[in-house]
Amino acid sequence: MQAETAGRRRRGRGSGGAVRTTHYGQLTNPFQPQALLSGDEIAAIHATALRILAELGIKVLLPEARALLRAAGALVDPETLMVRIGADIVADALAAAPGSFVMRARDPGRDVAMAPGTLAFLSGAGCPGCSDRIRGRRPGSLADFRELTQLIETFDVLHMLTAVVEPQDSPMHRRHYDTMQVQLETSCKVPFVYARGQAQVEQSFEMLGLALGLGAGFADQPRCYTVINTNSPRQLDVPMAQGIMDFARAGQMAVITPFCLMGAMAPVTLAGAMCLQHAEALAGIVLAQLVRAGAPVMYGAFASNVDMKSGAPAFGTPEHVKASIVSGQLARHIGLPWRGSAGAASNTADAQGAHETELSMWGALLGGANLTIHAAGWLEGGLTLGYEKLITDLEMLQVMAELCVPVAGGEAERAFDAIAQIEPGGHFLGVDHTMARYRTAFYAPLLADLSNYGGWIEAGSMRADERATTVWQDRLAAFVLPPGAAEGLEPVRRYIADHIAAGGALPVS
């Protein structure tokens, strides 16, 4: 079966008109951002977050970050490492942070805009393990990382690459080389770089710069990104603070994302969790702008609740959806693009997992998220990336992408003449209006079986997860590199070989 490259699915050719071609590369959210709180209530959360930063402070473990904040006027306690940041410092940082920017890919056709109304989806990320129906549940490997990156490459509804699984067979002193090499050899989409210490980050930038043929101009445009997670409540650890500074200095995007689980690392109330999330995100934004005014940053939101019986994270809950919508309100209040989060707590690609991811995706979509991470494949609250779950979630994302296509409402689409041709009680199956459009009129499912029960039985009675296995297997079997992916990589390979021979670079904890 020929792979469907970059989401460009084609129905059969024939007498039914033009071939249907889809392009999901740059989407515009068709929905007006929703609001759950009034403008006054959002302003009150912002004011409370400013009070948290000024009166309670945030613990910053990196000495260089504390020194930079102190120089800007923050109050630093050298014994407790608490940093109290005044509202004027926050205001200056928000004035400097860009409200929109473009993530530049190796292939300009894969650029991703981060601006009001734009919409981008990313796969699940950071999973220590993976699973599929053929090979079972297992620790992530470099081979899995490569396979999953290839799958991400073939769907243009997944707009940038992610650290989809942790390749645990790659030692930590060389993992950043291996993952960057796979991303560059497999795809021309915007790559991900872990913030695990200055040496690894700077070497990742150097590898990407070599692939792009850039020298000092690397910092002119954001070309990769990282996710910075604060240690909620109110702590910024060494690698995360260092990551903010390194990415800001290099002009690369940091997605500053508190991980506020209501009832555990955040207050049990939605408003309280939002105050804490907002304060922590603002602290990270301040640090980035102090390093380099105008550095691209994204307001990150990853707030949901825990199951109060077990303490386990929950996703796709009403609280998760509400938190996403309120997070969007807060991001718009400060004028920054924002990252939302989907995900599933389910242990397998079942109905629970499907509705958890879809409901959490609707929260991000209705909240106006510019970027939604963990939109496909996430299981077990992020412990596992499921191959079948990736495919079943991609069906959902492609449907959401179809919602972004403007609805045509011209004279031909209003179909008066077609309606006039058909007597009451008739049908439109053979009318000229239908025959000219039937091959291109509707979305062609990636996975869904729309046959009747008898046809389903004859085809083997396969469930959606079983059909998903066939999809990912066929995609991998037919994978071909996108144009340009193999170009200019020899300097990167030499760089990696030389640095591994010299001992690599360990992460910083």
Protein backbone atom coordinates (compact mmCIF):
# COMPACT_ATOMS: atom_id res chain seq x y z
CA MET A 1 0.00 0.00 0.00
CA GLN A 2 1.45 3.36 -1.01
CA ALA A 3 2.02 5.64 1.99
CA GLU A 4 -0.18 8.69 2.26
CA THR A 5 2.49 11.35 2.50
CA ALA A 6 2.05 14.48 4.60
CA GLY A 7 -1.66 13.99 5.10
CA ARG A 8 -2.41 14.35 1.37
CA ARG A 9 -4.99 11.60 1.05
CA ARG A 10 -6.49 10.91 -2.35
CA ARG A 11 -9.70 9.14 -3.14
CA GLY A 12 -9.91 6.98 -6.22
CA ARG A 13 -9.76 8.56 -9.66
CA GLY A 14 -12.62 8.25 -12.07
CA SER A 15 -15.63 10.03 -13.49
CA GLY A 16 -16.58 11.72 -10.24
CA GLY A 17 -14.54 14.88 -10.65
CA ALA A 18 -11.27 16.13 -9.19
CA VAL A 19 -9.14 14.21 -6.74
CA ARG A 20 -9.64 15.32 -3.15
CA THR A 21 -6.41 16.70 -1.71
CA THR A 22 -6.01 17.85 1.88
CA HIS A 23 -3.41 20.16 3.36
CA TYR A 24 -3.33 20.35 7.14
CA GLY A 25 -0.03 22.17 7.47
CA GLN A 26 -1.09 25.57 8.80
CA LEU A 27 -4.47 25.72 10.47
CA THR A 28 -6.62 28.59 11.65
CA ASN A 29 -8.92 27.86 14.57
CA PRO A 30 -12.52 28.20 13.30
CA PHE A 31 -13.95 28.82 16.77
CA GLN A 32 -13.98 32.01 18.75
CA PRO A 33 -12.11 31.45 22.03
CA GLN A 34 -14.52 30.59 24.79
CA ALA A 35 -14.63 32.16 28.26
CA LEU A 36 -15.61 30.64 31.59
CA LEU A 37 -14.62 33.61 33.76
CA SER A 38 -15.42 37.28 33.38
CA GLY A 39 -12.79 39.83 32.47
CA ASP A 40 -12.78 41.04 36.07
CA GLU A 41 -12.22 37.49 37.35
CA ILE A 42 -9.30 36.96 34.94
CA ALA A 43 -7.80 40.27 36.04
CA ALA A 44 -8.17 39.15 39.66
CA ILE A 45 -6.30 35.88 38.95
CA HIS A 46 -3.54 37.88 37.27
CA ALA A 47 -3.37 40.23 40.26
CA THR A 48 -3.24 37.28 42.67
CA ALA A 49 -0.41 35.73 40.65
CA LEU A 50 1.51 39.00 40.87
CA ARG A 51 0.92 39.00 44.62
CA ILE A 52 2.22 35.41 44.85
CA LEU A 53 5.42 36.42 43.06
CA ALA A 54 5.91 39.62 45.05
CA GLU A 55 4.96 38.41 48.53
CA LEU A 56 5.57 34.64 48.55
CA GLY A 57 8.10 34.33 45.76
CA ILE A 58 9.43 31.37 43.80
CA LYS A 59 12.39 29.19 44.73
CA VAL A 60 15.08 29.39 42.04
CA LEU A 61 17.85 26.81 42.39
CA LEU A 62 20.21 28.14 39.69
CA PRO A 63 22.62 30.81 41.06
CA GLU A 64 23.00 32.54 37.68
CA ALA A 65 19.24 32.91 37.37
CA ARG A 66 18.96 34.35 40.88
CA ALA A 67 21.73 36.83 40.09
CA LEU A 68 19.97 37.97 36.93
CA LEU A 69 16.68 38.42 38.75
CA ARG A 70 18.41 40.29 41.58
CA ALA A 71 20.04 42.66 39.08
CA ALA A 72 16.57 43.41 37.68
CA GLY A 73 15.30 44.42 41.12
CA ALA A 74 13.88 41.17 42.49
CA LEU A 75 14.40 40.43 46.18
CA VAL A 76 16.55 37.34 46.69
CA ASP A 77 17.01 35.47 49.95
CA PRO A 78 20.41 33.72 49.70
CA GLU A 79 19.55 31.22 52.43
CA THR A 80 16.14 30.04 51.27
CA LEU A 81 16.82 30.74 47.55
CA MET A 82 13.42 32.40 47.37
CA VAL A 83 13.06 35.14 44.78
CA ARG A 84 10.33 37.77 45.06
CA ILE A 85 9.53 39.43 41.76
CA GLY A 86 7.74 42.77 41.66
CA ALA A 87 4.83 43.59 39.37
CA ASP A 88 6.89 46.21 37.53
CA ILE A 89 9.46 43.56 36.53
CA VAL A 90 6.68 41.33 35.24
CA ALA A 91 5.11 44.20 33.29
CA ASP A 92 8.42 45.02 31.60
CA ALA A 93 8.90 41.37 30.64
CA LEU A 94 5.41 41.08 29.17
CA ALA A 95 5.98 44.25 27.17
CA ALA A 96 9.15 42.73 25.70
CA ALA A 97 7.84 39.23 24.93
CA PRO A 98 6.59 38.83 21.33
CA GLY A 99 2.87 38.26 20.85
CA SER A 100 3.49 36.29 17.67
CA PHE A 101 6.36 34.67 15.80
CA VAL A 102 7.04 31.91 13.27
CA MET A 103 8.82 28.65 13.98
CA ARG A 104 11.14 28.09 11.00
CA ALA A 105 11.52 24.55 9.71
CA ARG A 106 14.23 23.15 7.42
CA ASP A 107 11.49 22.96 4.80
CA PRO A 108 9.83 26.41 4.68
CA GLY A 109 6.58 24.67 3.82
CA ARG A 110 6.64 23.22 7.34
CA ASP A 111 6.97 26.59 9.11
CA VAL A 112 4.49 26.97 11.97
CA ALA A 113 3.07 30.36 12.95
CA MET A 114 2.38 31.11 16.60
CA ALA A 115 -0.09 33.97 16.52
CA PRO A 116 -3.68 34.75 17.54
CA GLY A 117 -5.98 32.23 15.89
CA THR A 118 -3.31 29.78 14.69
CA LEU A 119 -3.64 26.12 15.59
CA ALA A 120 -1.01 23.37 15.72
CA PHE A 121 -1.05 19.80 17.06
CA LEU A 122 1.82 17.72 18.43
CA SER A 123 2.02 14.06 19.35
CA GLY A 124 2.48 12.72 22.84
CA ALA A 125 5.95 13.37 24.21
CA GLY A 126 8.40 12.43 26.93
CA CYS A 127 7.08 8.89 27.40
CA PRO A 128 9.55 6.46 28.99
CA GLY A 129 7.83 3.53 27.31
CA CYS A 130 5.81 2.60 24.26
CA SER A 131 3.43 -0.14 23.22
CA ASP A 132 1.76 -1.72 20.23
CA ARG A 133 -0.37 -4.77 19.62
CA ILE A 134 2.46 -6.72 17.95
CA ARG A 135 5.40 -6.15 20.30
CA GLY A 136 3.61 -5.28 23.52
CA ARG A 137 4.51 -2.75 26.19
CA ARG A 138 8.23 -2.01 26.56
CA PRO A 139 10.82 0.61 27.49
CA GLY A 140 11.33 3.13 24.70
CA SER A 141 14.31 2.49 22.42
CA LEU A 142 16.11 4.47 19.76
CA ALA A 143 14.46 2.24 17.14
CA ASP A 144 11.05 3.18 18.59
CA PHE A 145 12.05 6.86 18.56
CA ARG A 146 12.94 6.56 14.88
CA GLU A 147 9.76 4.68 13.95
CA LEU A 148 7.51 7.12 15.77
CA THR A 149 9.32 10.11 14.28
CA GLN A 150 8.77 8.58 10.83
CA LEU A 151 5.06 8.22 11.61
CA ILE A 152 4.89 11.85 12.75
CA GLU A 153 6.59 12.89 9.53
CA THR A 154 3.92 11.24 7.36
CA PHE A 155 1.04 13.23 8.89
CA ASP A 156 0.99 16.96 8.25
CA VAL A 157 -1.67 17.35 10.94
CA LEU A 158 1.21 16.83 13.40
CA HIS A 159 3.00 20.10 12.89
CA MET A 160 6.32 19.78 14.75
CA LEU A 161 8.42 16.93 16.12
CA THR A 162 8.45 15.87 19.76
CA ALA A 163 10.59 13.84 22.14
CA VAL A 164 8.02 11.19 21.47
CA VAL A 165 9.63 8.47 23.63
CA GLU A 166 12.76 8.27 25.73
CA PRO A 167 15.27 6.00 23.92
CA GLN A 168 16.48 4.25 27.04
CA ASP A 169 19.07 2.20 25.16
CA SER A 170 20.87 5.46 24.34
CA PRO A 171 23.10 6.50 27.28
CA MET A 172 22.42 9.94 28.72
CA HIS A 173 25.80 11.34 27.66
CA ARG A 174 24.92 10.75 24.00
CA ARG A 175 21.12 10.70 23.89
CA HIS A 176 20.90 14.29 22.63
CA TYR A 177 23.14 13.37 19.68
CA ASP A 178 21.06 10.31 18.82
CA THR A 179 17.69 12.03 19.05
CA MET A 180 18.80 15.09 17.09
CA GLN A 181 20.32 12.86 14.40
CA VAL A 182 17.08 10.88 14.07
CA GLN A 183 15.00 14.04 13.84
CA LEU A 184 17.26 15.56 11.18
CA GLU A 185 17.57 12.34 9.17
CA THR A 186 13.84 11.63 9.24
CA SER A 187 11.99 14.92 8.91
CA CYS A 188 12.18 18.57 7.89
CA LYS A 189 9.71 19.66 10.58
CA VAL A 190 10.73 21.86 13.53
CA PRO A 191 12.69 19.66 15.98
CA PHE A 192 12.52 19.38 19.77
CA VAL A 193 15.50 19.84 22.09
CA TYR A 194 15.49 18.77 25.74
CA ALA A 195 16.76 21.33 28.25
CA ARG A 196 19.10 19.04 30.17
CA GLY A 197 22.04 21.27 30.80
CA GLN A 198 23.90 23.96 28.91
CA ALA A 199 26.37 21.62 27.19
CA GLN A 200 23.68 19.38 25.70
CA VAL A 201 21.53 22.34 24.67
CA GLU A 202 24.36 24.24 23.00
CA GLN A 203 25.54 21.12 21.18
CA SER A 204 21.99 20.51 19.94
CA PHE A 205 21.89 24.07 18.62
CA GLU A 206 25.24 23.50 16.90
CA MET A 207 23.99 20.30 15.24
CA LEU A 208 20.85 22.03 13.99
CA GLY A 209 22.88 25.02 12.82
CA LEU A 210 25.16 22.72 10.82
CA ALA A 211 22.15 21.03 9.19
CA LEU A 212 20.73 24.42 8.26
CA GLY A 213 24.05 25.80 7.07
CA LEU A 214 23.86 28.61 9.61
CA GLY A 215 26.53 30.17 11.73
CA ALA A 216 26.04 33.30 13.76
CA GLY A 217 22.60 33.76 12.21
CA PHE A 218 21.11 30.82 14.10
CA ALA A 219 19.53 33.09 16.72
CA ASP A 220 17.80 35.28 14.14
CA GLN A 221 14.76 32.98 13.96
CA PRO A 222 13.28 30.33 16.27
CA ARG A 223 14.14 26.98 14.70
CA CYS A 224 13.60 24.54 17.57
CA TYR A 225 11.80 24.49 20.88
CA THR A 226 11.84 23.03 24.36
CA VAL A 227 9.31 22.57 27.14
CA ILE A 228 10.18 24.02 30.53
CA ASN A 229 8.27 22.49 33.45
CA THR A 230 8.33 24.31 36.75
CA ASN A 231 8.41 22.14 39.88
CA SER A 232 4.99 23.09 41.13
CA PRO A 233 4.41 24.52 43.60
CA ARG A 234 6.72 27.55 43.24
CA GLN A 235 10.08 26.08 42.34
CA LEU A 236 12.34 26.36 39.30
CA ASP A 237 15.10 23.77 39.29
CA VAL A 238 18.60 24.00 37.82
CA PRO A 239 18.13 22.41 34.35
CA MET A 240 14.83 24.19 33.76
CA ALA A 241 16.17 27.62 34.73
CA GLN A 242 19.30 26.98 32.70
CA GLY A 243 17.12 25.89 29.78
CA ILE A 244 15.12 29.11 29.87
CA MET A 245 18.33 31.12 29.79
CA ASP A 246 20.00 29.03 27.07
CA PHE A 247 16.99 29.10 24.77
CA ALA A 248 16.39 32.81 25.30
CA ARG A 249 20.04 33.62 24.61
CA ALA A 250 19.87 31.64 21.35
CA GLY A 251 16.53 33.12 20.29
CA GLN A 252 14.77 29.74 20.42
CA MET A 253 11.27 29.04 21.75
CA ALA A 254 10.73 27.95 25.35
CA VAL A 255 7.27 26.67 26.22
CA ILE A 256 7.08 27.54 29.91
CA THR A 257 4.63 25.08 31.39
CA PRO A 258 3.76 24.65 35.06
CA PHE A 259 2.41 21.16 35.81
CA CYS A 260 -0.44 22.03 38.15
CA LEU A 261 -2.51 19.02 39.12
CA MET A 262 -5.42 20.25 41.21
CA GLY A 263 -5.45 18.59 44.60
CA ALA A 264 -1.77 17.57 44.46
CA MET A 265 0.77 20.13 43.22
CA ALA A 266 -1.84 22.89 43.07
CA PRO A 267 -4.87 23.98 45.08
CA VAL A 268 -7.93 21.80 44.69
CA THR A 269 -9.98 24.71 43.31
CA LEU A 270 -9.73 25.72 39.66
CA ALA A 271 -9.20 29.41 40.48
CA GLY A 272 -6.45 28.59 42.97
CA ALA A 273 -4.67 26.30 40.52
CA MET A 274 -4.86 28.99 37.85
CA CYS A 275 -3.33 31.57 40.21
CA LEU A 276 -0.40 29.25 40.89
CA GLN A 277 0.04 28.27 37.23
CA HIS A 278 -0.04 31.91 36.16
CA ALA A 279 2.51 32.98 38.74
CA GLU A 280 4.96 30.21 37.80
CA ALA A 281 4.59 30.88 34.08
CA LEU A 282 5.14 34.60 34.61
CA ALA A 283 8.33 33.89 36.56
CA GLY A 284 9.74 31.87 33.69
CA ILE A 285 8.73 34.50 31.15
CA VAL A 286 10.48 37.17 33.22
CA LEU A 287 13.70 35.16 33.32
CA ALA A 288 13.64 34.64 29.55
CA GLN A 289 13.13 38.32 28.81
CA LEU A 290 15.87 39.38 31.22
CA VAL A 291 18.30 37.20 29.25
CA ARG A 292 17.17 38.50 25.87
CA ALA A 293 14.36 41.00 25.43
CA GLY A 294 12.06 39.72 22.70
CA ALA A 295 13.00 36.06 23.15
CA PRO A 296 10.16 33.83 21.85
CA VAL A 297 8.27 32.30 24.76
CA MET A 298 4.98 30.53 24.98
CA TYR A 299 2.62 30.54 27.93
CA GLY A 300 2.21 26.89 28.84
CA ALA A 301 -0.74 25.23 30.53
CA PHE A 302 -0.87 21.65 31.77
CA ALA A 303 -3.49 21.79 34.48
CA SER A 304 -5.86 18.98 35.33
CA ASN A 305 -6.96 17.22 38.49
CA VAL A 306 -5.93 14.09 40.31
CA ASP A 307 -8.16 11.21 41.25
CA MET A 308 -8.70 11.91 44.93
CA LYS A 309 -9.00 8.17 45.65
CA SER A 310 -5.67 7.10 44.18
CA GLY A 311 -3.75 10.35 43.63
CA ALA A 312 -3.26 9.44 39.96
CA PRO A 313 -3.41 12.18 37.31
CA ALA A 314 -6.68 12.43 35.41
CA PHE A 315 -7.16 13.80 31.89
CA GLY A 316 -10.14 14.71 29.76
CA THR A 317 -12.09 15.55 32.89
CA PRO A 318 -14.46 18.54 33.18
CA GLU A 319 -11.79 20.21 35.32
CA HIS A 320 -9.17 19.64 32.63
CA VAL A 321 -11.40 21.21 29.97
CA LYS A 322 -12.26 24.17 32.20
CA ALA A 323 -8.60 24.72 33.07
CA SER A 324 -7.72 24.85 29.37
CA ILE A 325 -10.37 27.43 28.61
CA VAL A 326 -9.35 29.63 31.55
CA SER A 327 -5.67 29.24 30.61
CA GLY A 328 -6.51 30.61 27.19
CA GLN A 329 -8.18 33.60 28.82
CA LEU A 330 -5.08 34.23 30.92
CA ALA A 331 -2.76 33.94 27.91
CA ARG A 332 -4.82 36.44 25.98
CA HIS A 333 -4.87 38.71 29.02
CA ILE A 334 -1.08 39.00 28.86
CA GLY A 335 -0.91 38.91 25.06
CA LEU A 336 1.11 35.74 24.48
CA PRO A 337 0.60 32.62 22.35
CA TRP A 338 -0.13 29.61 24.49
CA ARG A 339 0.33 25.87 24.66
CA GLY A 340 -2.49 23.55 25.69
CA SER A 341 -2.37 19.89 26.64
CA ALA A 342 -4.40 16.83 25.76
CA GLY A 343 -3.73 13.33 27.08
CA ALA A 344 -5.23 10.20 28.53
CA ALA A 345 -4.97 8.29 31.78
CA SER A 346 -6.24 5.10 30.14
CA ASN A 347 -3.84 2.16 30.07
CA THR A 348 -4.77 1.09 26.56
CA ALA A 349 -6.22 2.39 23.30
CA ASP A 350 -9.81 1.82 24.38
CA ALA A 351 -12.95 3.94 24.56
CA GLN A 352 -11.78 5.59 27.78
CA GLY A 353 -8.50 6.66 26.18
CA ALA A 354 -10.28 7.95 23.08
CA HIS A 355 -12.74 10.13 24.94
CA GLU A 356 -10.13 11.41 27.41
CA THR A 357 -7.91 12.65 24.60
CA GLU A 358 -10.77 14.03 22.54
CA LEU A 359 -12.40 15.87 25.45
CA SER A 360 -9.09 17.38 26.50
CA MET A 361 -8.46 18.37 22.87
CA TRP A 362 -11.79 20.17 22.78
CA GLY A 363 -10.73 22.12 25.85
CA ALA A 364 -7.60 23.28 24.03
CA LEU A 365 -9.48 23.98 20.81
CA LEU A 366 -12.23 25.99 22.49
CA GLY A 367 -9.68 27.74 24.67
CA GLY A 368 -7.81 28.97 21.58
CA ALA A 369 -4.55 27.09 22.16
CA ASN A 370 -1.96 27.83 19.49
CA LEU A 371 -0.09 24.59 20.20
CA THR A 372 -1.47 21.44 21.80
CA ILE A 373 0.99 18.79 22.97
CA HIS A 374 0.09 15.15 23.72
CA ALA A 375 -2.68 15.37 21.13
CA ALA A 376 -2.01 11.86 19.79
CA GLY A 377 -0.71 8.63 21.25
CA TRP A 378 -0.48 9.42 24.97
CA LEU A 379 -1.43 6.64 27.40
CA GLU A 380 -1.08 5.97 31.15
CA GLY A 381 -0.78 9.68 31.92
CA GLY A 382 2.33 9.92 29.76
CA LEU A 383 4.14 6.74 30.81
CA THR A 384 3.51 5.11 27.43
CA LEU A 385 3.17 6.17 23.79
CA GLY A 386 0.82 3.79 22.02
CA TYR A 387 1.27 3.15 18.31
CA GLU A 388 -2.40 2.27 17.85
CA LYS A 389 -3.44 5.18 20.07
CA LEU A 390 -1.38 7.49 17.87
CA ILE A 391 -3.36 6.41 14.82
CA THR A 392 -6.80 6.51 16.43
CA ASP A 393 -6.06 9.99 17.79
CA LEU A 394 -4.86 11.12 14.37
CA GLU A 395 -8.32 10.40 13.01
CA MET A 396 -9.67 12.86 15.58
CA LEU A 397 -7.05 15.48 14.71
CA GLN A 398 -7.72 15.21 10.99
CA VAL A 399 -11.43 15.69 11.65
CA MET A 400 -10.61 18.75 13.73
CA ALA A 401 -8.39 20.00 10.91
CA GLU A 402 -11.31 19.57 8.51
CA LEU A 403 -13.34 21.87 10.76
CA CYS A 404 -10.77 24.56 9.93
CA VAL A 405 -11.65 24.39 6.22
CA PRO A 406 -13.93 27.34 5.35
CA VAL A 407 -17.46 26.35 4.38
CA ALA A 408 -18.30 27.31 0.81
CA GLY A 409 -21.67 29.01 0.49
CA GLY A 410 -21.79 30.33 -3.07
CA GLU A 411 -24.59 29.89 -5.56
CA ALA A 412 -23.35 26.51 -6.75
CA GLU A 413 -23.06 25.25 -3.17
CA ARG A 414 -26.56 26.44 -2.30
CA ALA A 415 -27.71 23.90 -4.90
CA PHE A 416 -31.07 25.42 -5.86
CA ASP A 417 -31.08 23.76 -9.30
CA ALA A 418 -30.29 20.36 -7.79
CA ILE A 419 -33.09 20.73 -5.28
CA ALA A 420 -35.44 21.70 -8.09
CA GLN A 421 -34.58 18.52 -10.05
CA ILE A 422 -35.65 16.12 -7.31
CA GLU A 423 -39.27 15.39 -6.57
CA PRO A 424 -40.36 15.27 -2.92
CA GLY A 425 -39.35 11.96 -1.41
CA GLY A 426 -36.61 11.38 -4.02
CA HIS A 427 -32.85 11.28 -3.54
CA PHE A 428 -29.77 13.15 -4.73
CA LEU A 429 -27.46 10.21 -5.40
CA GLY A 430 -27.50 10.49 -9.19
CA VAL A 431 -28.13 14.19 -9.72
CA ASP A 432 -25.47 16.11 -11.70
CA HIS A 433 -24.65 18.26 -8.69
CA THR A 434 -23.73 15.13 -6.70
CA MET A 435 -21.95 13.36 -9.55
CA ALA A 436 -19.65 16.32 -10.09
CA ARG A 437 -18.61 16.38 -6.43
CA TYR A 438 -19.03 12.98 -4.84
CA ARG A 439 -15.35 12.09 -4.88
CA THR A 440 -14.31 15.33 -3.20
CA ALA A 441 -17.27 16.32 -1.06
CA PHE A 442 -16.52 14.55 2.22
CA TYR A 443 -13.63 13.65 4.50
CA ALA A 444 -12.21 10.20 3.76
CA PRO A 445 -11.53 8.44 7.09
CA LEU A 446 -8.02 7.39 7.93
CA LEU A 447 -9.23 4.59 10.17
CA ALA A 448 -12.99 4.53 10.65
CA ASP A 449 -14.96 1.68 9.07
CA LEU A 450 -18.19 3.12 7.66
CA SER A 451 -19.46 -0.12 6.16
CA ASN A 452 -22.60 -1.85 7.41
CA TYR A 453 -22.51 -4.75 9.83
CA GLY A 454 -22.43 -7.37 7.09
CA GLY A 455 -19.55 -5.68 5.33
CA TRP A 456 -17.68 -5.33 8.61
CA ILE A 457 -18.10 -9.06 9.31
CA GLU A 458 -16.89 -9.97 5.82
CA ALA A 459 -13.80 -7.77 6.28
CA GLY A 460 -12.80 -9.64 9.42
CA SER A 461 -14.74 -7.85 12.21
CA MET A 462 -11.70 -5.73 13.04
CA ARG A 463 -11.88 -3.23 15.89
CA ALA A 464 -10.49 0.27 15.46
CA ASP A 465 -7.28 -0.56 17.34
CA GLU A 466 -6.74 -3.61 15.11
CA ARG A 467 -7.19 -1.52 11.97
CA ALA A 468 -4.79 1.03 13.47
CA THR A 469 -2.08 -1.63 13.62
CA THR A 470 -2.38 -2.10 9.86
CA VAL A 471 -2.19 1.67 9.30
CA TRP A 472 1.06 2.21 11.21
CA GLN A 473 2.64 -0.92 9.77
CA ASP A 474 1.81 0.17 6.22
CA ARG A 475 3.07 3.68 6.87
CA LEU A 476 6.41 2.45 8.14
CA ALA A 477 6.78 -0.10 5.35
CA ALA A 478 6.23 2.59 2.71
CA PHE A 479 8.12 5.43 4.42
CA VAL A 480 10.28 7.57 2.19
CA LEU A 481 12.32 10.57 3.26
CA PRO A 482 10.75 13.94 2.51
CA PRO A 483 12.55 16.08 -0.07
CA GLY A 484 15.65 17.70 1.40
CA ALA A 485 15.76 15.66 4.59
CA ALA A 486 19.01 13.91 3.65
CA GLU A 487 20.78 17.05 2.50
CA GLY A 488 23.57 18.73 4.44
CA LEU A 489 23.78 16.13 7.20
CA GLU A 490 27.33 14.88 6.72
CA PRO A 491 28.78 17.72 8.86
CA VAL A 492 26.28 16.76 11.57
CA ARG A 493 27.35 13.12 11.49
CA ARG A 494 31.03 14.09 11.75
CA TYR A 495 30.20 16.44 14.64
CA ILE A 496 28.38 13.65 16.48
CA ALA A 497 31.15 11.11 15.92
CA ASP A 498 33.82 13.53 17.14
CA HIS A 499 31.88 14.52 20.27
CA ILE A 500 30.96 10.94 21.19
CA ALA A 501 34.63 9.98 20.82
CA ALA A 502 35.48 12.83 23.18
CA GLY A 503 33.08 11.49 25.83
CA GLY A 504 29.82 13.25 25.01
CA ALA A 505 28.05 15.53 27.46
CA LEU A 506 26.18 14.51 30.60
CA PRO A 507 22.91 16.22 31.53
CA VAL A 508 22.72 18.51 34.54
CA SER A 509 20.39 17.62 37.42
